[in-house]
């Protein structure tokens, strides 16, 4: 594809014919009714030509009169750059992915193995999708010594859908369902919290880092000021508003090894921490009911009269039960050997209290991707700068996220006669779609001296920049013009 080559062509786009005629369709004419055929105008042909040329150049191609597949190639490249084409296929057994499978989604209905091509051959950003619709495991196996998420293989659980992406040397995954709501508390059988969770240890954390958990904390009905949190142990099982602007505090269920109990959300002390306590009790002597052992101590001296040693005394111990003593009027009989400690507690086992802080994509049974998510969060992908978004040649361009475009051109040598000047028009590699915002013009010295160069604004358009070389000396000067243009 190339612009028309013909002796009668012009080098700049002609002005449009603005004859006030409404748009319509071509007709071959009708000689019986006297309706003439539609004349194909230069305006229409130029519009079709430029539409095609713009698509070809958008992907970094140079129009080539010997290549009639440039537009098809450009459309294919633009689709690939945009992401997945929805090409889905069902697999009922083991399968080895091919290079032509790029951007395909495989739905496995049986427990299978997906063998990946070599990442070095597949190249950077080669992507396939997988869904495991089988009741068993789907194993993804890289080629040779290559890895997937730093492991030798990867397992996809039932119902899990993932993207598998090559970085040109190995593979990594993105995706996986995570249906646990943020704010969910649980006891974890491990010493560190899993991906997406934080230990409930009263730590101050940033609101910007955990916005979902901060939103939950505000709506939980269990949030106090940080002054209230630090000033009263009873409030430390709640969230605090932190510094009031950038942080908030997690509940502390670690200190004191708290047990969790059920409580109605309507109770006035909902969520508050309670200290340990022992319910009041009373043991009445079986012979003399005025003799009582309570949580306040021994009450009453008893009315029975005995002369043997120990009469009128009650021995209470947390060791072995007091053996029956006929000389003591009445006994406080135990039910076995007490288990003693420096705290009152039921039978228990230790676990780590954690809270769901954010949704995390995890590798089923092998490796989580939280570190990758944290690393790329908020960053612009490299593909927004590379591929069809740049041409790193002598006369090239760089498109930036947001629409700004940088272009640079080195022109042919210009020679200005003594006390005269020379003009040239440097064609930009691509046309700015909207506007050229500014130009910087410099020159590389070849011969002569005393020349200066500047933009010739009258020849500057969205597709070309005019330059003027001025010579104020008595000798010719030759310079090579260079420009940097910024637009969008």
Protein backbone atom coordinates (compact mmCIF):
# COMPACT_ATOMS: atom_id res chain seq x y z
CA UNK A 1 0.00 0.00 0.00
CA UNK A 2 1.29 3.43 -0.89
CA UNK A 3 -0.14 6.81 -1.81
CA UNK A 4 -0.87 7.19 -5.50
CA UNK A 5 2.07 7.55 -7.89
CA UNK A 6 1.03 9.45 -11.03
CA UNK A 7 2.42 12.35 -13.04
CA UNK A 8 -0.71 14.37 -12.21
CA UNK A 9 -0.61 13.81 -8.43
CA UNK A 10 -0.01 16.70 -6.04
CA UNK A 11 2.35 16.67 -3.04
CA UNK A 12 -0.02 18.22 -0.48
CA UNK A 13 -3.60 17.44 0.42
CA UNK A 14 -5.96 19.61 -1.72
CA UNK A 15 -8.57 21.70 0.00
CA UNK A 16 -11.94 20.00 0.30
CA UNK A 17 -14.81 20.92 -1.99
CA UNK A 18 -17.42 22.17 0.44
CA UNK A 19 -20.28 22.17 -2.10
CA UNK A 20 -23.43 21.96 0.08
CA UNK A 21 -24.61 18.49 -0.93
CA UNK A 22 -25.79 15.96 1.64
CA UNK A 23 -23.91 12.63 1.90
CA UNK A 24 -25.27 9.66 -0.01
CA UNK A 25 -24.38 6.58 -2.05
CA UNK A 26 -22.85 5.83 -5.46
CA UNK A 27 -25.06 5.15 -8.43
CA UNK A 28 -24.25 3.72 -11.86
CA UNK A 29 -26.81 6.06 -13.41
CA UNK A 30 -29.89 5.30 -15.48
CA UNK A 31 -29.85 6.32 -19.19
CA UNK A 32 -33.60 5.75 -19.48
CA UNK A 33 -34.43 8.29 -16.81
CA UNK A 34 -31.52 10.57 -17.54
CA UNK A 35 -29.91 9.96 -14.14
CA UNK A 36 -26.15 10.40 -14.49
CA UNK A 37 -23.65 8.05 -12.84
CA UNK A 38 -21.84 9.25 -9.70
CA UNK A 39 -18.48 10.84 -10.38
CA UNK A 40 -15.74 9.61 -8.08
CA UNK A 41 -14.05 12.77 -6.80
CA UNK A 42 -10.48 13.38 -5.68
CA UNK A 43 -11.83 14.30 -2.23
CA UNK A 44 -13.37 10.85 -1.82
CA UNK A 45 -10.35 8.96 -3.14
CA UNK A 46 -7.99 10.98 -0.93
CA UNK A 47 -10.18 10.25 2.11
CA UNK A 48 -10.12 6.48 1.44
CA UNK A 49 -6.37 6.56 0.78
CA UNK A 50 -5.58 8.46 4.01
CA UNK A 51 -7.83 6.24 6.13
CA UNK A 52 -5.83 3.21 4.97
CA UNK A 53 -2.44 4.93 5.23
CA UNK A 54 -3.18 6.10 8.80
CA UNK A 55 -4.01 2.56 9.93
CA UNK A 56 -0.82 1.20 8.33
CA UNK A 57 1.40 3.92 9.85
CA UNK A 58 -0.24 3.57 13.27
CA UNK A 59 1.47 0.19 13.65
CA UNK A 60 4.91 1.53 12.67
CA UNK A 61 4.86 0.27 9.08
CA UNK A 62 6.23 2.30 6.18
CA UNK A 63 3.84 2.29 3.19
CA UNK A 64 5.17 -0.24 0.68
CA UNK A 65 3.85 -0.33 -2.92
CA UNK A 66 4.85 -4.00 -3.22
CA UNK A 67 2.96 -5.13 -0.10
CA UNK A 68 -0.82 -5.33 -0.36
CA UNK A 69 -1.22 -6.97 3.06
CA UNK A 70 -0.14 -4.04 5.21
CA UNK A 71 -3.64 -3.07 6.32
CA UNK A 72 -4.47 -6.66 7.30
CA UNK A 73 -1.20 -6.84 9.23
CA UNK A 74 -1.96 -3.55 10.96
CA UNK A 75 -5.45 -4.63 12.02
CA UNK A 76 -4.08 -7.92 13.38
CA UNK A 77 -1.35 -6.07 15.31
CA UNK A 78 -3.86 -3.62 16.80
CA UNK A 79 -6.12 -6.46 17.93
CA UNK A 80 -3.17 -8.28 19.53
CA UNK A 81 -2.03 -5.10 21.27
CA UNK A 82 -5.51 -4.49 22.68
CA UNK A 83 -5.56 -7.88 24.39
CA UNK A 84 -7.58 -11.08 24.13
CA UNK A 85 -9.54 -12.00 21.09
CA UNK A 86 -12.33 -14.19 22.36
CA UNK A 87 -11.14 -17.46 20.87
CA UNK A 88 -12.25 -20.29 23.13
CA UNK A 89 -11.80 -24.00 22.62
CA UNK A 90 -12.66 -27.06 24.71
CA UNK A 91 -10.03 -29.68 25.55
CA UNK A 92 -10.88 -33.17 26.79
CA UNK A 93 -7.35 -34.35 27.50
CA UNK A 94 -3.67 -33.41 27.60
CA UNK A 95 -2.66 -30.69 25.16
CA UNK A 96 0.56 -29.01 24.01
CA UNK A 97 0.03 -25.30 23.27
CA UNK A 98 1.35 -23.95 19.96
CA UNK A 99 2.64 -20.50 19.02
CA UNK A 100 -0.58 -20.06 17.00
CA UNK A 101 -2.56 -20.51 20.22
CA UNK A 102 -1.66 -17.00 21.40
CA UNK A 103 -4.66 -15.32 23.06
CA UNK A 104 -6.73 -18.50 23.07
CA UNK A 105 -8.72 -19.67 26.08
CA UNK A 106 -8.74 -23.41 26.78
CA UNK A 107 -11.60 -24.96 28.75
CA UNK A 108 -10.47 -28.35 30.12
CA UNK A 109 -13.30 -30.74 30.97
CA UNK A 110 -11.11 -33.57 32.28
CA UNK A 111 -8.14 -33.71 34.62
CA UNK A 112 -5.34 -32.95 32.17
CA UNK A 113 -1.86 -31.56 31.52
CA UNK A 114 -1.31 -28.40 29.48
CA UNK A 115 2.24 -28.31 28.08
CA UNK A 116 3.45 -24.80 27.33
CA UNK A 117 5.73 -23.86 24.43
CA UNK A 118 9.20 -22.53 25.23
CA UNK A 119 8.81 -19.01 26.64
CA UNK A 120 11.92 -17.94 24.72
CA UNK A 121 10.17 -18.91 21.48
CA UNK A 122 6.73 -17.64 22.48
CA UNK A 123 8.20 -14.24 23.33
CA UNK A 124 7.23 -11.47 25.73
CA UNK A 125 3.49 -11.11 26.51
CA UNK A 126 2.47 -14.38 24.83
CA UNK A 127 -0.75 -15.17 26.68
CA UNK A 128 -3.18 -18.07 26.93
CA UNK A 129 -6.14 -18.49 29.22
CA UNK A 130 -7.24 -21.68 30.96
CA UNK A 131 -10.34 -22.77 32.83
CA UNK A 132 -10.55 -26.02 34.74
CA UNK A 133 -14.11 -27.32 34.40
CA UNK A 134 -13.13 -30.81 35.51
CA UNK A 135 -13.56 -32.25 39.03
CA UNK A 136 -9.79 -32.87 39.22
CA UNK A 137 -6.63 -30.82 38.86
CA UNK A 138 -5.29 -29.23 35.69
CA UNK A 139 -1.48 -29.24 35.62
CA UNK A 140 0.33 -26.57 33.60
CA UNK A 141 3.81 -27.73 32.61
CA UNK A 142 6.47 -25.30 31.27
CA UNK A 143 9.02 -26.39 28.70
CA UNK A 144 12.35 -27.83 29.85
CA UNK A 145 13.92 -25.96 32.76
CA UNK A 146 11.56 -22.98 32.47
CA UNK A 147 9.35 -22.16 35.44
CA UNK A 148 5.86 -20.88 36.09
CA UNK A 149 5.58 -18.58 39.11
CA UNK A 150 9.09 -19.78 40.04
CA UNK A 151 7.86 -23.38 40.27
CA UNK A 152 8.44 -26.37 38.00
CA UNK A 153 4.69 -26.73 37.35
CA UNK A 154 1.37 -25.15 38.27
CA UNK A 155 -1.90 -26.66 39.44
CA UNK A 156 -5.29 -25.13 38.56
CA UNK A 157 -8.14 -26.09 40.88
CA UNK A 158 -11.68 -26.98 39.89
CA UNK A 159 -13.60 -23.93 38.66
CA UNK A 160 -10.49 -21.74 38.55
CA UNK A 161 -9.77 -19.48 35.56
CA UNK A 162 -6.29 -18.06 34.95
CA UNK A 163 -4.17 -16.16 32.47
CA UNK A 164 -0.75 -17.65 31.74
CA UNK A 165 1.74 -15.09 30.43
CA UNK A 166 5.30 -15.35 29.10
CA UNK A 167 7.97 -12.76 29.85
CA UNK A 168 10.26 -14.19 27.18
CA UNK A 169 12.18 -16.48 29.51
CA UNK A 170 9.65 -17.95 31.98
CA UNK A 171 5.92 -17.91 32.77
CA UNK A 172 3.68 -16.36 35.40
CA UNK A 173 -0.04 -16.41 36.12
CA UNK A 174 -2.73 -13.86 36.79
CA UNK A 175 -6.25 -14.53 38.03
CA UNK A 176 -8.02 -17.00 40.26
CA UNK A 177 -11.29 -16.41 42.06
CA UNK A 178 -11.29 -14.89 45.53
CA UNK A 179 -14.77 -14.83 47.05
CA UNK A 180 -13.87 -14.18 50.72
CA UNK A 181 -15.18 -10.70 51.67
CA UNK A 182 -12.70 -8.10 52.92
CA UNK A 183 -13.01 -7.83 56.71
CA UNK A 184 -13.51 -11.57 57.27
CA UNK A 185 -11.76 -12.76 60.45
CA UNK A 186 -10.40 -16.26 60.87
CA UNK A 187 -7.94 -18.30 62.91
CA UNK A 188 -5.01 -19.39 60.76
CA UNK A 189 -2.89 -22.53 61.41
CA UNK A 190 0.39 -20.84 60.55
CA UNK A 191 2.87 -18.35 61.99
CA UNK A 192 2.45 -15.79 59.19
CA UNK A 193 -0.66 -14.47 57.44
CA UNK A 194 -1.45 -15.75 53.92
CA UNK A 195 -1.75 -13.51 50.88
CA UNK A 196 -4.46 -10.88 51.25
CA UNK A 197 -4.62 -11.09 55.08
CA UNK A 198 -3.13 -9.18 58.01
CA UNK A 199 -2.47 -10.35 61.57
CA UNK A 200 -4.80 -8.72 64.08
CA UNK A 201 -2.08 -7.34 66.31
CA UNK A 202 -3.14 -3.70 66.69
CA UNK A 203 -0.76 -2.43 63.98
CA UNK A 204 -1.21 0.96 62.31
CA UNK A 205 -1.61 0.56 58.53
CA UNK A 206 -2.04 3.00 55.66
CA UNK A 207 -5.53 3.73 54.38
CA UNK A 208 -4.17 4.06 50.84
CA UNK A 209 -2.59 0.61 51.02
CA UNK A 210 -5.75 -1.13 52.28
CA UNK A 211 -8.65 1.02 51.03
CA UNK A 212 -11.16 -1.85 51.05
CA UNK A 213 -10.38 -2.76 54.66
CA UNK A 214 -10.55 0.91 55.71
CA UNK A 215 -13.98 1.17 54.06
CA UNK A 216 -15.07 -1.95 55.94
CA UNK A 217 -13.73 -0.63 59.26
CA UNK A 218 -15.74 2.58 58.93
CA UNK A 219 -18.95 0.65 58.32
CA UNK A 220 -18.30 -2.07 60.94
CA UNK A 221 -19.64 -0.25 64.01
CA UNK A 222 -16.40 -1.27 65.72
CA UNK A 223 -14.20 1.81 65.24
CA UNK A 224 -13.01 4.32 67.85
CA UNK A 225 -10.51 7.16 67.88
CA UNK A 226 -6.88 6.20 68.38
CA UNK A 227 -6.92 8.03 71.73
CA UNK A 228 -9.81 5.84 72.87
CA UNK A 229 -8.07 2.76 71.51
CA UNK A 230 -4.76 3.33 73.28
CA UNK A 231 -6.39 4.73 76.43
CA UNK A 232 -8.60 1.75 77.22
CA UNK A 233 -7.79 -1.94 76.97
CA UNK A 234 -11.51 -2.58 76.44
CA UNK A 235 -11.36 -0.82 73.04
CA UNK A 236 -8.36 -2.68 71.67
CA UNK A 237 -10.45 -5.41 70.06
CA UNK A 238 -11.83 -2.72 67.71
CA UNK A 239 -10.44 -0.68 64.82
CA UNK A 240 -9.17 2.83 65.43
CA UNK A 241 -9.21 5.79 63.04
CA UNK A 242 -5.41 6.07 63.35
CA UNK A 243 -3.97 9.52 62.77
CA UNK A 244 -7.30 10.73 61.42
CA UNK A 245 -6.15 11.16 57.83
CA UNK A 246 -3.72 8.58 56.43
CA UNK A 247 -3.71 5.56 58.77
CA UNK A 248 -6.02 3.31 60.74
CA UNK A 249 -5.37 0.65 63.37
CA UNK A 250 -6.21 -3.05 63.29
CA UNK A 251 -7.89 -4.83 66.21
CA UNK A 252 -5.51 -6.50 68.67
CA UNK A 253 -6.56 -10.07 69.43
CA UNK A 254 -2.98 -11.24 70.07
CA UNK A 255 -2.21 -9.45 73.35
CA UNK A 256 -3.73 -11.47 76.20
CA UNK A 257 -4.49 -14.46 73.93
CA UNK A 258 -8.17 -13.63 73.58
CA UNK A 259 -10.99 -16.08 73.01
CA UNK A 260 -13.80 -14.91 70.72
CA UNK A 261 -17.41 -15.20 71.86
CA UNK A 262 -20.73 -14.72 70.05
CA UNK A 263 -22.42 -11.38 70.69
CA UNK A 264 -25.41 -9.58 69.22
CA UNK A 265 -24.54 -6.49 67.22
CA UNK A 266 -27.25 -4.57 69.10
CA UNK A 267 -25.51 -4.90 72.48
CA UNK A 268 -24.10 -1.60 73.76
CA UNK A 269 -20.65 -3.11 74.40
CA UNK A 270 -20.51 -4.89 71.03
CA UNK A 271 -16.93 -5.70 70.06
CA UNK A 272 -15.44 -4.52 73.36
CA UNK A 273 -12.72 -6.54 75.04
CA UNK A 274 -13.54 -8.00 78.46
CA UNK A 275 -11.04 -9.01 81.12
CA UNK A 276 -11.16 -12.47 82.66
CA UNK A 277 -13.53 -13.08 85.58
CA UNK A 278 -14.65 -15.90 87.91
CA UNK A 279 -18.36 -16.38 88.60
CA UNK A 280 -19.39 -16.04 92.27
CA UNK A 281 -19.88 -19.40 94.04
CA UNK A 282 -20.93 -20.74 97.46
CA UNK A 283 -20.23 -24.15 99.09
CA UNK A 284 -22.36 -24.97 102.17
CA UNK A 285 -21.07 -27.35 104.86
CA UNK A 286 -23.04 -30.60 104.86
CA UNK A 287 -23.27 -30.72 108.70
CA UNK A 288 -23.42 -27.05 109.63
CA UNK A 289 -25.13 -24.89 106.97
CA UNK A 290 -23.83 -21.71 108.63
CA UNK A 291 -20.34 -22.69 107.56
CA UNK A 292 -19.88 -21.58 103.94
CA UNK A 293 -16.98 -21.36 101.53
CA UNK A 294 -17.54 -18.62 98.93
CA UNK A 295 -15.51 -16.62 96.46
CA UNK A 296 -15.08 -14.10 99.32
CA UNK A 297 -13.53 -16.65 101.67
CA UNK A 298 -14.78 -18.69 104.69
CA UNK A 299 -18.01 -17.52 106.34
CA UNK A 300 -19.23 -18.73 109.80
CA UNK A 301 -17.31 -20.67 112.40
CA UNK A 302 -19.69 -23.59 112.61
CA UNK A 303 -21.77 -24.75 115.64
CA UNK A 304 -20.52 -28.32 116.00
CA UNK A 305 -18.28 -28.94 119.01
CA UNK A 306 -15.33 -31.24 118.56
CA UNK A 307 -12.27 -31.78 120.73
CA UNK A 308 -9.98 -33.34 118.17
CA UNK A 309 -7.23 -31.34 116.45
CA UNK A 310 -8.48 -29.48 113.42
CA UNK A 311 -11.92 -28.87 114.86
CA UNK A 312 -13.54 -25.73 113.45
CA UNK A 313 -10.95 -25.38 110.67
CA UNK A 314 -11.36 -25.91 106.95
CA UNK A 315 -8.28 -26.50 104.77
CA UNK A 316 -8.70 -25.29 101.16
CA UNK A 317 -6.01 -26.07 98.59
CA UNK A 318 -5.63 -26.03 94.84
CA UNK A 319 -3.54 -29.17 95.04
CA UNK A 320 -4.84 -32.68 95.78
CA UNK A 321 -8.32 -32.95 97.27
CA UNK A 322 -8.41 -32.87 101.09
CA UNK A 323 -8.90 -36.48 102.29
CA UNK A 324 -11.96 -37.24 104.40
CA UNK A 325 -11.24 -36.32 108.04
CA UNK A 326 -13.82 -37.53 110.61
CA UNK A 327 -12.56 -34.95 113.11
CA UNK A 328 -13.77 -32.05 110.87
CA UNK A 329 -17.54 -31.50 111.12
CA UNK A 330 -18.58 -31.89 107.48
CA UNK A 331 -16.42 -32.00 104.37
CA UNK A 332 -16.09 -30.02 101.16
CA UNK A 333 -15.55 -32.94 98.83
CA UNK A 334 -13.70 -32.49 95.49
CA UNK A 335 -14.27 -34.32 92.19
CA UNK A 336 -10.73 -35.32 91.30
CA UNK A 337 -7.33 -33.67 91.08
CA UNK A 338 -7.55 -30.00 89.95
CA UNK A 339 -5.46 -28.85 86.94
CA UNK A 340 -3.83 -25.68 88.16
CA UNK A 341 -2.16 -22.73 86.41
CA UNK A 342 -1.71 -18.97 86.74
CA UNK A 343 -4.85 -18.37 84.62
CA UNK A 344 -8.38 -19.72 84.30
CA UNK A 345 -9.05 -21.21 80.86
CA UNK A 346 -10.90 -23.98 79.01
CA UNK A 347 -9.14 -26.58 76.89
CA UNK A 348 -7.75 -24.82 73.81
CA UNK A 349 -5.30 -24.81 70.91
CA UNK A 350 -3.43 -21.78 69.60
CA UNK A 351 -4.09 -20.21 66.18
CA UNK A 352 -3.13 -16.93 64.50
CA UNK A 353 -5.99 -14.36 64.33
CA UNK A 354 -6.04 -12.78 60.84
CA UNK A 355 -8.36 -10.48 58.89
CA UNK A 356 -8.98 -10.30 55.13
CA UNK A 357 -7.38 -7.04 53.96
CA UNK A 358 -7.62 -7.23 50.16
CA UNK A 359 -8.39 -9.63 47.36
CA UNK A 360 -5.35 -11.62 46.25
CA UNK A 361 -4.79 -13.80 43.21
CA UNK A 362 -3.21 -17.01 44.39
CA UNK A 363 -1.62 -20.03 42.80
CA UNK A 364 -3.54 -23.10 43.87
CA UNK A 365 -1.27 -24.91 46.32
CA UNK A 366 2.05 -23.49 45.15
CA UNK A 367 2.79 -19.76 45.09
CA UNK A 368 0.77 -16.58 45.50
CA UNK A 369 1.06 -13.54 43.23
CA UNK A 370 0.57 -10.86 45.86
CA UNK A 371 4.14 -9.61 45.51
CA UNK A 372 3.61 -9.23 41.78
CA UNK A 373 0.31 -7.41 42.33
CA UNK A 374 1.97 -5.03 44.81
CA UNK A 375 4.84 -4.41 42.39
CA UNK A 376 2.70 -3.48 39.40
CA UNK A 377 -0.18 -1.82 41.24
CA UNK A 378 -0.79 1.66 39.85
CA UNK A 379 1.94 1.36 37.23
CA UNK A 380 1.49 1.76 33.48
CA UNK A 381 2.27 -1.50 31.63
CA UNK A 382 5.38 -1.53 29.45
CA UNK A 383 3.22 -2.38 26.44
CA UNK A 384 1.81 1.17 26.64
CA UNK A 385 5.26 2.43 25.56
CA UNK A 386 6.54 -0.31 23.24
CA UNK A 387 5.34 -2.17 20.15
CA UNK A 388 3.05 -0.07 17.99
CA UNK A 389 3.54 2.87 20.35
CA UNK A 390 7.08 3.66 19.26
CA UNK A 391 9.52 3.71 16.36
CA UNK A 392 13.10 4.03 17.61
CA UNK A 393 14.68 4.97 14.28
CA UNK A 394 16.53 8.06 12.98
CA UNK A 395 13.19 9.61 12.14
CA UNK A 396 10.84 8.13 14.72
CA UNK A 397 8.25 8.67 17.39
CA UNK A 398 7.18 7.71 20.91
CA UNK A 399 3.53 7.65 22.01
CA UNK A 400 2.92 8.18 25.72
CA UNK A 401 -0.04 7.02 27.84
CA UNK A 402 -2.55 9.85 27.90
CA UNK A 403 -2.14 10.75 24.22
CA UNK A 404 1.05 12.85 24.06
CA UNK A 405 3.34 12.03 21.10
CA UNK A 406 7.04 12.87 20.70
CA UNK A 407 8.59 12.85 17.19
CA UNK A 408 12.10 13.51 15.93
CA UNK A 409 13.44 14.05 12.40
CA UNK A 410 16.89 14.62 10.91
CA UNK A 411 16.64 16.33 7.52
CA UNK A 412 18.94 16.57 4.53
CA UNK A 413 21.79 19.08 4.48
CA UNK A 414 20.75 22.66 3.73
CA UNK A 415 23.06 25.25 2.15
CA UNK A 416 22.43 28.97 2.54
CA UNK A 417 24.19 31.35 0.15
CA UNK A 418 26.03 34.39 1.56
CA UNK A 419 23.68 36.97 3.05
CA UNK A 420 20.76 34.76 2.10
CA UNK A 421 18.77 31.83 3.42
CA UNK A 422 17.32 28.42 2.62
CA UNK A 423 14.03 26.76 3.51
CA UNK A 424 13.03 23.10 3.84
CA UNK A 425 10.04 21.10 4.96
CA UNK A 426 10.69 18.08 7.18
CA UNK A 427 7.91 15.49 7.02
CA UNK A 428 7.00 13.99 10.38
CA UNK A 429 7.03 10.17 10.64
CA UNK A 430 3.35 10.19 11.62
CA UNK A 431 0.71 12.89 11.49
CA UNK A 432 -0.41 14.33 14.82
CA UNK A 433 -4.11 13.34 15.03
CA UNK A 434 -5.16 16.54 16.80
CA UNK A 435 -2.50 19.24 17.07
CA UNK A 436 1.21 20.00 17.01
CA UNK A 437 1.94 21.74 20.32
CA UNK A 438 5.56 22.81 19.91
CA UNK A 439 8.79 22.35 17.94
CA UNK A 440 12.47 22.53 18.86
CA UNK A 441 14.77 23.16 15.86
CA UNK A 442 18.55 22.64 15.96
CA UNK A 443 21.20 22.06 13.31
CA UNK A 444 24.34 19.99 12.88
CA UNK A 445 27.26 21.98 11.46
CA UNK A 446 28.76 20.81 8.16
CA UNK A 447 30.61 23.84 6.78
CA UNK A 448 30.63 27.64 6.86
CA UNK A 449 29.77 29.69 9.89
CA UNK A 450 27.50 32.39 11.19
CA UNK A 451 24.24 30.65 10.24
CA UNK A 452 21.17 30.31 12.41
CA UNK A 453 18.14 28.03 12.04
CA UNK A 454 14.55 28.34 13.21
CA UNK A 455 11.06 27.05 12.55
CA UNK A 456 9.37 28.38 9.43
CA UNK A 457 5.88 28.50 10.93
CA UNK A 458 4.13 29.17 7.64
CA UNK A 459 5.13 25.71 6.38
CA UNK A 460 4.37 23.87 9.65
CA UNK A 461 1.33 21.56 9.81
CA UNK A 462 0.30 18.51 11.84
CA UNK A 463 2.32 16.36 9.43
CA UNK A 464 5.39 18.50 8.60
CA UNK A 465 7.64 21.20 10.07
CA UNK A 466 9.10 24.06 8.04
CA UNK A 467 12.65 25.25 8.84
CA UNK A 468 14.60 28.33 7.73
CA UNK A 469 18.41 28.56 7.60
CA UNK A 470 19.62 32.18 7.69
CA UNK A 471 23.13 33.20 6.58
CA UNK A 472 24.42 36.66 7.50
CA UNK A 473 28.01 36.05 6.46
CA UNK A 474 29.88 36.43 3.17
CA UNK A 475 30.43 32.68 2.76
CA UNK A 476 28.01 29.84 2.15
CA UNK A 477 26.93 27.75 5.13
CA UNK A 478 25.80 24.13 5.15
CA UNK A 479 23.92 22.60 8.09
CA UNK A 480 21.78 19.51 8.72
CA UNK A 481 18.43 20.41 10.36
CA UNK A 482 17.10 18.44 13.32
CA UNK A 483 13.69 18.83 14.94
CA UNK A 484 11.81 17.48 17.95
CA UNK A 485 8.03 17.95 17.76
CA UNK A 486 5.47 17.47 20.53
CA UNK A 487 1.76 17.02 19.90
CA UNK A 488 -1.20 14.75 20.41
